[in-house]
Protein backbone atom coordinates (compact mmCIF):
# COMPACT_ATOMS: atom_id res chain seq x y z
CA UNK A 1 -8.50 9.61 -10.40
CA UNK A 2 -10.11 10.13 -7.00
CA UNK A 3 -12.61 12.46 -5.42
CA UNK A 4 -11.58 14.79 -2.61
CA UNK A 5 -14.05 14.03 0.17
CA UNK A 6 -13.97 17.63 1.42
CA UNK A 7 -15.05 19.48 -1.69
CA UNK A 8 -15.81 16.86 -4.35
CA UNK A 9 -13.00 18.05 -6.61
CA UNK A 10 -11.58 15.34 -8.84
CA UNK A 11 -7.80 15.06 -8.51
CA UNK A 12 -5.17 12.70 -9.87
CA UNK A 13 -4.52 9.74 -7.60
CA UNK A 14 -1.29 10.24 -5.66
CA UNK A 15 -0.65 6.54 -5.16
CA UNK A 16 -1.40 2.92 -5.98
CA UNK A 17 -3.48 0.54 -3.90
CA UNK A 18 -1.63 -1.77 -1.52
CA UNK A 19 -1.78 -5.55 -1.94
CA UNK A 20 -3.59 -6.67 1.27
CA UNK A 21 -1.52 -9.85 1.49
CA UNK A 22 1.84 -8.14 1.10
CA UNK A 23 2.98 -7.87 4.74
CA UNK A 24 6.62 -6.87 3.97
CA UNK A 25 5.38 -4.23 1.53
CA UNK A 26 2.89 -2.88 4.06
CA UNK A 27 5.68 -2.54 6.64
CA UNK A 28 7.76 -0.50 4.19
CA UNK A 29 4.81 1.75 3.39
CA UNK A 30 4.04 2.30 7.08
CA UNK A 31 7.61 3.57 7.55
CA UNK A 32 7.39 5.80 4.47
CA UNK A 33 4.05 7.18 5.69
CA UNK A 34 5.46 8.03 9.11
CA UNK A 35 8.33 9.91 7.49
CA UNK A 36 5.94 11.88 5.29
CA UNK A 37 3.82 12.82 8.29
CA UNK A 38 6.89 13.78 10.34
CA UNK A 39 8.19 16.09 7.62
CA UNK A 40 4.73 17.66 7.16
CA UNK A 41 4.33 18.34 10.88
CA UNK A 42 7.88 19.68 11.13
CA UNK A 43 6.90 22.13 8.39
CA UNK A 44 3.82 23.13 10.43
CA UNK A 45 1.33 22.07 7.73
CA UNK A 46 -2.06 20.47 8.24
CA UNK A 47 -2.86 17.54 5.97
CA UNK A 48 -5.33 19.67 4.01
CA UNK A 49 -2.73 22.39 3.48
CA UNK A 50 -0.11 19.87 2.41
CA UNK A 51 -2.60 18.36 -0.01
CA UNK A 52 -3.40 21.75 -1.49
CA UNK A 53 0.30 22.53 -2.01
CA UNK A 54 0.97 19.17 -3.68
CA UNK A 55 -2.23 19.13 -5.72
CA UNK A 56 -3.99 16.29 -3.90
CA UNK A 57 -6.92 15.93 -1.51
CA UNK A 58 -6.63 15.71 2.28
CA UNK A 59 -8.08 12.19 2.27
CA UNK A 60 -5.36 11.00 -0.11
CA UNK A 61 -2.63 12.58 2.01
CA UNK A 62 -3.89 10.78 5.11
CA UNK A 63 -4.01 7.47 3.23
CA UNK A 64 -0.38 7.94 2.19
CA UNK A 65 0.66 8.81 5.73
CA UNK A 66 -1.12 5.72 7.10
CA UNK A 67 0.65 3.53 4.57
CA UNK A 68 -2.64 2.66 2.86
CA UNK A 69 -1.41 3.82 -0.54
CA UNK A 70 1.88 3.47 -2.44
CA UNK A 71 3.16 6.99 -3.26
CA UNK A 72 3.81 7.73 -6.91
CA UNK A 73 7.35 8.96 -7.71
CA UNK A 74 6.05 12.30 -8.98
CA UNK A 75 4.17 12.87 -5.71
CA UNK A 76 7.33 12.27 -3.66
CA UNK A 77 9.26 14.70 -5.87
CA UNK A 78 6.61 17.38 -5.37
CA UNK A 79 6.36 16.67 -1.64
CA UNK A 80 10.12 17.02 -1.27
CA UNK A 81 9.96 20.42 -2.95
CA UNK A 82 7.02 21.62 -0.83
CA UNK A 83 8.57 20.39 2.42
CA UNK A 84 12.06 21.67 1.65
CA UNK A 85 13.43 18.21 2.44
CA UNK A 86 16.57 18.55 0.28
CA UNK A 87 16.01 15.19 -1.41
CA UNK A 88 15.25 13.15 1.71
CA UNK A 89 11.57 12.68 0.84
CA UNK A 90 12.33 12.21 -2.86
CA UNK A 91 14.76 9.44 -1.89
CA UNK A 92 11.83 7.48 -0.46
CA UNK A 93 11.25 6.42 -4.07
CA UNK A 94 14.01 3.86 -3.52
CA UNK A 95 11.90 2.25 -0.78
CA UNK A 96 8.66 2.24 -2.75
CA UNK A 97 9.95 1.17 -6.18
CA UNK A 98 9.70 -2.56 -5.49
CA UNK A 99 6.63 -2.33 -3.24
CA UNK A 100 4.51 -0.92 -6.03
CA UNK A 101 4.79 -4.25 -7.85
CA UNK A 102 2.35 -6.99 -6.77
CA UNK A 103 4.21 -9.42 -4.48
CA UNK A 104 4.23 -12.45 -6.85
CA UNK A 105 5.71 -10.27 -9.59
CA UNK A 106 8.20 -8.75 -7.13
CA UNK A 107 9.35 -12.23 -6.15
CA UNK A 108 9.74 -13.18 -9.81
CA UNK A 109 11.64 -9.95 -10.57
CA UNK A 110 14.04 -10.69 -7.70
CA UNK A 111 14.79 -14.13 -9.16
CA UNK A 112 15.23 -12.66 -12.64
CA UNK A 113 17.62 -10.09 -11.22
CA UNK A 114 19.90 -12.88 -9.96
CA UNK A 115 19.74 -15.16 -13.02
CA UNK A 116 22.67 -15.47 -15.44
CA UNK A 117 20.77 -17.52 -18.05
CA UNK A 118 17.12 -17.43 -19.15
CA UNK A 119 15.41 -20.17 -21.17
CA UNK A 120 11.88 -19.02 -22.01
CA UNK A 121 9.31 -20.71 -24.25
CA UNK A 122 6.00 -18.88 -24.78
CA UNK A 123 3.14 -20.54 -26.62
CA UNK A 124 0.18 -18.16 -26.11
CA UNK A 125 1.55 -14.63 -25.76
CA UNK A 126 4.76 -12.79 -26.47
CA UNK A 127 6.87 -13.14 -23.35
CA UNK A 128 6.56 -10.24 -20.91
CA UNK A 129 10.28 -9.45 -21.10
CA UNK A 130 9.91 -8.93 -24.86
CA UNK A 131 6.75 -6.82 -24.81
CA UNK A 132 6.52 -3.11 -25.51
CA UNK A 133 4.70 -1.04 -22.91
CA UNK A 134 1.70 -0.42 -25.18
CA UNK A 135 1.47 -4.11 -26.11
CA UNK A 136 1.58 -5.07 -22.40
CA UNK A 137 -1.25 -2.70 -21.58
CA UNK A 138 -3.34 -3.90 -24.52
CA UNK A 139 -2.77 -7.52 -23.50
CA UNK A 140 -3.66 -6.88 -19.85
CA UNK A 141 -6.93 -5.26 -20.98
CA UNK A 142 -7.98 -8.58 -22.56
CA UNK A 143 -7.75 -10.53 -19.28
CA UNK A 144 -10.90 -11.51 -17.40
CA UNK A 145 -12.09 -10.63 -14.89
CA UNK A 146 -11.04 -7.20 -16.04
CA UNK A 147 -8.48 -5.23 -14.05
CA UNK A 148 -9.45 -1.90 -12.56
CA UNK A 149 -7.47 1.07 -13.97
CA UNK A 150 -5.30 1.09 -10.82
CA UNK A 151 -4.60 -2.65 -11.06
CA UNK A 152 -3.80 -2.41 -14.76
CA UNK A 153 -1.37 0.43 -14.04
CA UNK A 154 0.39 -1.59 -11.35
CA UNK A 155 0.78 -4.71 -13.48
CA UNK A 156 1.88 -2.74 -16.55
CA UNK A 157 4.42 -0.80 -14.47
CA UNK A 158 5.70 -4.05 -12.99
CA UNK A 159 6.27 -5.55 -16.42
CA UNK A 160 8.07 -2.41 -17.52
CA UNK A 161 10.33 -2.64 -14.49
CA UNK A 162 11.13 -6.30 -15.10
CA UNK A 163 12.29 -5.57 -18.64
CA UNK A 164 15.33 -3.67 -17.35
CA UNK A 165 16.99 -7.07 -16.84
CA UNK A 166 17.58 -7.16 -20.61
CA UNK A 167 19.92 -4.16 -20.31
CA UNK A 168 21.86 -5.32 -17.24
CA UNK A 169 25.63 -5.25 -17.15
CA UNK A 170 27.08 -7.82 -17.09
CA UNK A 171 24.27 -9.14 -19.23
CA UNK A 172 22.62 -12.54 -18.66
CA UNK A 173 22.17 -14.86 -21.63
CA UNK A 174 18.62 -15.03 -22.99
CA UNK A 175 17.05 -17.73 -25.13
CA UNK A 176 13.47 -16.95 -26.15
CA UNK A 177 11.29 -19.30 -28.20
CA UNK A 178 8.01 -17.81 -29.40
CA UNK A 179 5.16 -19.81 -30.86
CA UNK A 180 4.21 -18.39 -34.26
CA UNK A 181 0.62 -17.68 -33.24
CA UNK A 182 1.82 -15.32 -30.49
CA UNK A 183 3.40 -13.14 -33.19
CA UNK A 184 0.30 -13.03 -35.38
CA UNK A 185 -2.45 -12.17 -32.88
CA UNK A 186 -3.14 -8.40 -33.33
CA UNK A 187 -3.31 -7.49 -29.65
CA UNK A 188 -4.10 -3.77 -29.46
CA UNK A 189 -4.58 -3.46 -33.21
CA UNK A 190 -2.36 -3.55 -36.28
CA UNK A 191 -0.08 -0.63 -35.41
CA UNK A 192 0.53 -1.88 -31.87
CA UNK A 193 1.48 -5.27 -33.30
CA UNK A 194 3.73 -3.64 -35.92
CA UNK A 195 5.64 -1.75 -33.24
CA UNK A 196 5.85 -4.93 -31.18
CA UNK A 197 7.38 -6.86 -34.08
CA UNK A 198 9.82 -4.01 -34.70
CA UNK A 199 10.79 -4.18 -31.04
CA UNK A 200 11.46 -7.93 -31.32
CA UNK A 201 13.83 -7.26 -34.21
CA UNK A 202 15.59 -4.59 -32.17
CA UNK A 203 15.96 -6.76 -29.05
CA UNK A 204 17.11 -9.67 -31.18
CA UNK A 205 20.11 -7.59 -32.24
CA UNK A 206 21.47 -7.59 -28.68
CA UNK A 207 24.51 -9.92 -28.54
CA UNK A 208 23.22 -11.76 -25.45
CA UNK A 209 19.68 -12.37 -26.78
CA UNK A 210 18.48 -15.12 -29.11
CA UNK A 211 14.88 -15.15 -30.33
CA UNK A 212 13.58 -18.22 -32.14
CA UNK A 213 10.18 -18.91 -33.68
CA UNK A 214 8.39 -22.25 -33.50
CA UNK A 215 6.25 -22.50 -36.68
CA UNK A 216 2.64 -23.59 -36.24
CA UNK A 217 3.05 -26.05 -39.12
CA UNK A 218 5.35 -28.30 -37.07
CA UNK A 219 3.29 -31.29 -35.93
CA UNK A 220 6.06 -33.05 -33.97
CA UNK A 221 6.23 -30.43 -31.24
CA UNK A 222 7.03 -31.21 -27.57
CA UNK A 223 5.86 -27.80 -26.39
CA UNK A 224 2.13 -28.43 -26.57
CA UNK A 225 1.94 -28.85 -22.77
CA UNK A 226 2.44 -25.12 -22.30
CA UNK A 227 5.01 -22.49 -21.48
CA UNK A 228 8.42 -23.30 -20.04
CA UNK A 229 10.58 -20.93 -18.02
CA UNK A 230 14.01 -21.84 -16.62
CA UNK A 231 16.22 -19.40 -14.73
CA UNK A 232 19.81 -20.48 -14.06
CA UNK A 233 22.02 -18.88 -11.42
CA UNK A 234 25.74 -18.31 -10.98
CA UNK A 235 26.07 -20.99 -8.28
CA UNK A 236 24.77 -23.69 -10.63
CA UNK A 237 21.29 -23.79 -9.14
CA UNK A 238 18.14 -23.15 -11.15
CA UNK A 239 14.39 -22.73 -10.88
CA UNK A 240 11.80 -23.54 -13.52
CA UNK A 241 8.13 -23.93 -14.17
CA UNK A 242 5.76 -25.14 -16.86
CA UNK A 243 2.01 -25.20 -17.40
CA UNK A 244 1.98 -28.91 -18.05
CA UNK A 245 3.67 -30.47 -15.01
CA UNK A 246 4.18 -29.96 -11.27
CA UNK A 247 0.91 -28.07 -10.92
CA UNK A 248 2.42 -25.05 -12.65
CA UNK A 249 4.44 -24.28 -9.50
CA UNK A 250 8.13 -23.24 -9.60
CA UNK A 251 10.47 -26.19 -9.02
CA UNK A 252 14.15 -26.39 -8.11
CA UNK A 253 14.49 -30.16 -7.68
CA UNK A 254 17.25 -31.36 -10.09
CA UNK A 255 15.18 -34.28 -11.41
CA UNK A 256 12.27 -32.03 -12.34
CA UNK A 257 14.56 -29.39 -13.76
CA UNK A 258 16.16 -32.01 -16.04
CA UNK A 259 12.70 -32.73 -17.48
CA UNK A 260 12.17 -29.06 -18.26
CA UNK A 261 15.69 -28.65 -19.62
CA UNK A 262 15.28 -31.70 -21.88
CA UNK A 263 11.92 -30.50 -23.17
CA UNK A 264 13.21 -26.98 -23.76
CA UNK A 265 16.28 -28.28 -25.59
CA UNK A 266 14.13 -30.33 -27.98
CA UNK A 267 11.84 -27.37 -28.68
CA UNK A 268 14.86 -25.17 -29.30
CA UNK A 269 16.37 -27.67 -31.74
CA UNK A 270 13.14 -27.88 -33.74
CA UNK A 271 12.44 -24.13 -33.86
CA UNK A 272 13.75 -21.86 -36.60
CA UNK A 273 17.31 -20.67 -36.04
CA UNK A 274 17.75 -17.08 -34.77
CA UNK A 275 18.65 -15.92 -38.30
CA UNK A 276 15.67 -17.74 -39.84
CA UNK A 277 13.46 -16.37 -37.08
CA UNK A 278 14.57 -12.83 -37.82
CA UNK A 279 13.66 -13.32 -41.48
CA UNK A 280 10.30 -14.75 -40.41
CA UNK A 281 9.52 -11.79 -38.13
CA UNK A 282 10.51 -9.35 -40.89
CA UNK A 283 8.12 -11.21 -43.22
CA UNK A 284 5.31 -10.92 -40.64
CA UNK A 285 6.07 -7.24 -40.25
CA UNK A 286 5.71 -6.77 -43.97
CA UNK A 287 2.33 -8.54 -43.92
CA UNK A 288 0.99 -6.57 -40.93
């Protein structure tokens, strides 16, 4: 929500805040803003009039035209209708879809979009690609320092966008290993967790997805150093990261990747099989 500076009326925010360090994103938004302003002026509308017709304040319209805000898809649809742009303004959604994600997440999503194999071990939380939208939002609300409502919306939307990789065609191969504790913590409350566990069972039915559970009772466990993520690409290259080594930074050096691959393979061999894991998740669901 925002306050119209002219009359103090509270209106829904027409856009997301821009990441100050995202220079490529800011360049895209500057271009989108210029196009919005050009269409408005061609229609002979002042910014205040355009805002009134679209349901937003003049100050917000000027921020969008300066490229200081990321337009929401619904705003662009309404603007296209008001301006009689025959879909040209609405098509700007294609330019702003990626920009609305924070740059580090956008970079990660680009890598995920190219990967043909995912090896993902999560020891604290359910992996973002496996989360439901309501679980993601509940989890993000626990982080400190707390996100503002606008920041939370951006990060939650980014996670939702990343999850489309699970439904790609042709589909990559996914191997998820979840630490048992990540499936028991009632983030968002019992019903949110129940729906999350149901979602895991549903995703686990996909032919290209394997979900395994690492029981807490296993003492001989090489995953105690933290999460492991390995993305493998069609050309044989890969990128990976872990909490425990290399400063947590992504690595592509073959020697370092072999360490991650070895560690992941051992964890995978010690975890419950996909069938056993499904039974385990169904048992947790019954207890929740």
